[in-house]
Amino acid sequence: MTWNVYLVIIFLMGLAFFASAVYGLMWASKKGQLKDFDKGSRVIFDEDEPEGVTQDAFPQRKRKLRDIDRPRRIQPEQEGTRL
């Protein structure tokens, strides 16, 4: 196959993707999905987890003892010298 055939195939795939995106936006607009974004974002909150209050937290990574005892190497850029 020549590069012209590949170019046509890529163009048709791009056109199909664009048409499906336009169709999806038109469907969402007709169904009312794009009217009130704030209402949809508040649906997940309730009395147990109020809006604006942090409930979840990630645990801190525990440092291994060998990481604490190992002296840190100073990079040459930090000392002001260049290699």
C-alpha atoms as a PDB file:
ATOM      1  CA  MET A   1       0.000   0.000   0.000  1.00  0.00           C
ATOM      2  CA  THR A   2       1.160   3.508  -0.660  1.00  0.00           C
ATOM      3  CA  TRP A   3       1.151   6.417   1.715  1.00  0.00           C
ATOM      4  CA  ASN A   4      -1.995   7.808   0.031  1.00  0.00           C
ATOM      5  CA  VAL A   5      -4.034   4.857   1.233  1.00  0.00           C
ATOM      6  CA  TYR A   6      -2.758   5.273   4.784  1.00  0.00           C
ATOM      7  CA  LEU A   7      -3.563   8.969   4.636  1.00  0.00           C
ATOM      8  CA  VAL A   8      -7.150   8.264   3.547  1.00  0.00           C
ATOM      9  CA  ILE A   9      -7.580   5.649   6.281  1.00  0.00           C
ATOM     10  CA  ILE A  10      -6.298   8.046   8.956  1.00  0.00           C
ATOM     11  CA  PHE A  11      -8.537  10.818   7.640  1.00  0.00           C
ATOM     12  CA  LEU A  12     -11.619   8.568   7.716  1.00  0.00           C
ATOM     13  CA  MET A  13     -10.820   7.416  11.246  1.00  0.00           C
ATOM     14  CA  GLY A  14     -10.455  11.024  12.378  1.00  0.00           C
ATOM     15  CA  LEU A  15     -13.717  11.956  10.705  1.00  0.00           C
ATOM     16  CA  ALA A  16     -15.506   9.051  12.427  1.00  0.00           C
ATOM     17  CA  PHE A  17     -14.082  10.086  15.807  1.00  0.00           C
ATOM     18  CA  PHE A  18     -15.133  13.715  15.282  1.00  0.00           C
ATOM     19  CA  ALA A  19     -18.641  12.681  14.207  1.00  0.00           C
ATOM     20  CA  SER A  20     -19.066  10.455  17.266  1.00  0.00           C
ATOM     21  CA  ALA A  21     -17.896  13.261  19.563  1.00  0.00           C
ATOM     22  CA  VAL A  22     -20.397  15.698  18.019  1.00  0.00           C
ATOM     23  CA  TYR A  23     -23.150  13.098  18.308  1.00  0.00           C
ATOM     24  CA  GLY A  24     -22.279  12.483  21.967  1.00  0.00           C
ATOM     25  CA  LEU A  25     -22.385  16.196  22.795  1.00  0.00           C
ATOM     26  CA  MET A  26     -25.700  16.612  20.999  1.00  0.00           C
ATOM     27  CA  TRP A  27     -27.160  13.644  22.899  1.00  0.00           C
ATOM     28  CA  ALA A  28     -25.928  15.012  26.237  1.00  0.00           C
ATOM     29  CA  SER A  29     -27.398  18.415  25.450  1.00  0.00           C
ATOM     30  CA  LYS A  30     -30.809  16.951  24.546  1.00  0.00           C
ATOM     31  CA  LYS A  31     -30.901  14.795  27.702  1.00  0.00           C
ATOM     32  CA  GLY A  32     -30.066  17.765  29.947  1.00  0.00           C
ATOM     33  CA  GLN A  33     -26.667  16.492  31.036  1.00  0.00           C
ATOM     34  CA  LEU A  34     -25.001  19.868  30.409  1.00  0.00           C
ATOM     35  CA  LYS A  35     -27.438  22.125  32.267  1.00  0.00           C
ATOM     36  CA  ASP A  36     -26.402  22.120  35.936  1.00  0.00           C
ATOM     37  CA  PHE A  37     -22.871  20.987  36.701  1.00  0.00           C
ATOM     38  CA  ASP A  38     -22.935  22.157  40.335  1.00  0.00           C
ATOM     39  CA  LYS A  39     -25.903  19.970  41.228  1.00  0.00           C
ATOM     40  CA  GLY A  40     -24.177  16.878  39.907  1.00  0.00           C
ATOM     41  CA  SER A  41     -20.980  17.636  41.781  1.00  0.00           C
ATOM     42  CA  ARG A  42     -22.806  17.905  45.130  1.00  0.00           C
ATOM     43  CA  VAL A  43     -24.762  14.663  44.796  1.00  0.00           C
ATOM     44  CA  ILE A  44     -21.885  12.609  46.196  1.00  0.00           C
ATOM     45  CA  PHE A  45     -21.853  14.499  49.529  1.00  0.00           C
ATOM     46  CA  ASP A  46     -24.144  13.722  52.484  1.00  0.00           C
ATOM     47  CA  GLU A  47     -24.306  14.348  56.244  1.00  0.00           C
ATOM     48  CA  ASP A  48     -21.483  11.893  56.981  1.00  0.00           C
ATOM     49  CA  GLU A  49     -19.155  13.528  54.470  1.00  0.00           C
ATOM     50  CA  PRO A  50     -20.068  17.212  54.141  1.00  0.00           C
ATOM     51  CA  GLU A  51     -18.840  19.328  51.279  1.00  0.00           C
ATOM     52  CA  GLY A  52     -15.524  21.068  51.851  1.00  0.00           C
ATOM     53  CA  VAL A  53     -14.399  18.873  54.777  1.00  0.00           C
ATOM     54  CA  THR A  54     -11.493  16.505  54.172  1.00  0.00           C
ATOM     55  CA  GLN A  55     -12.416  13.003  55.270  1.00  0.00           C
ATOM     56  CA  ASP A  56      -9.831  10.890  53.480  1.00  0.00           C
ATOM     57  CA  ALA A  57      -6.092  11.074  53.967  1.00  0.00           C
ATOM     58  CA  PHE A  58      -3.184   9.135  52.564  1.00  0.00           C
ATOM     59  CA  PRO A  59      -0.888   7.505  55.107  1.00  0.00           C
ATOM     60  CA  GLN A  60       2.607   8.877  55.267  1.00  0.00           C
ATOM     61  CA  ARG A  61       5.386   6.710  53.905  1.00  0.00           C
ATOM     62  CA  LYS A  62       7.405   5.276  56.736  1.00  0.00           C
ATOM     63  CA  ARG A  63      11.091   5.957  56.370  1.00  0.00           C
ATOM     64  CA  LYS A  64      13.279   2.949  56.730  1.00  0.00           C
ATOM     65  CA  LEU A  65      16.010   3.017  59.328  1.00  0.00           C
ATOM     66  CA  ARG A  66      18.701   2.730  56.698  1.00  0.00           C
ATOM     67  CA  ASP A  67      17.321   5.850  54.972  1.00  0.00           C
ATOM     68  CA  ILE A  68      17.624   7.843  58.178  1.00  0.00           C
ATOM     69  CA  ASP A  69      21.150   6.691  59.036  1.00  0.00           C
ATOM     70  CA  ARG A  70      22.576   7.196  55.559  1.00  0.00           C
ATOM     71  CA  PRO A  71      24.253  10.600  55.130  1.00  0.00           C
ATOM     72  CA  ARG A  72      22.935  12.667  52.282  1.00  0.00           C
ATOM     73  CA  ARG A  73      25.212  13.439  49.391  1.00  0.00           C
ATOM     74  CA  ILE A  74      25.502  17.086  48.496  1.00  0.00           C
ATOM     75  CA  GLN A  75      25.173  17.697  44.814  1.00  0.00           C
ATOM     76  CA  PRO A  76      27.913  19.796  43.161  1.00  0.00           C
ATOM     77  CA  GLU A  77      25.305  22.366  42.052  1.00  0.00           C
ATOM     78  CA  GLN A  78      24.366  22.933  45.684  1.00  0.00           C
ATOM     79  CA  GLU A  79      27.986  23.564  46.700  1.00  0.00           C
ATOM     80  CA  GLY A  80      28.499  26.136  43.997  1.00  0.00           C
ATOM     81  CA  THR A  81      31.187  24.159  42.189  1.00  0.00           C
ATOM     82  CA  ARG A  82      30.910  22.666  38.754  1.00  0.00           C
ATOM     83  CA  LEU A  83      32.375  19.435  37.477  1.00  0.00           C
END
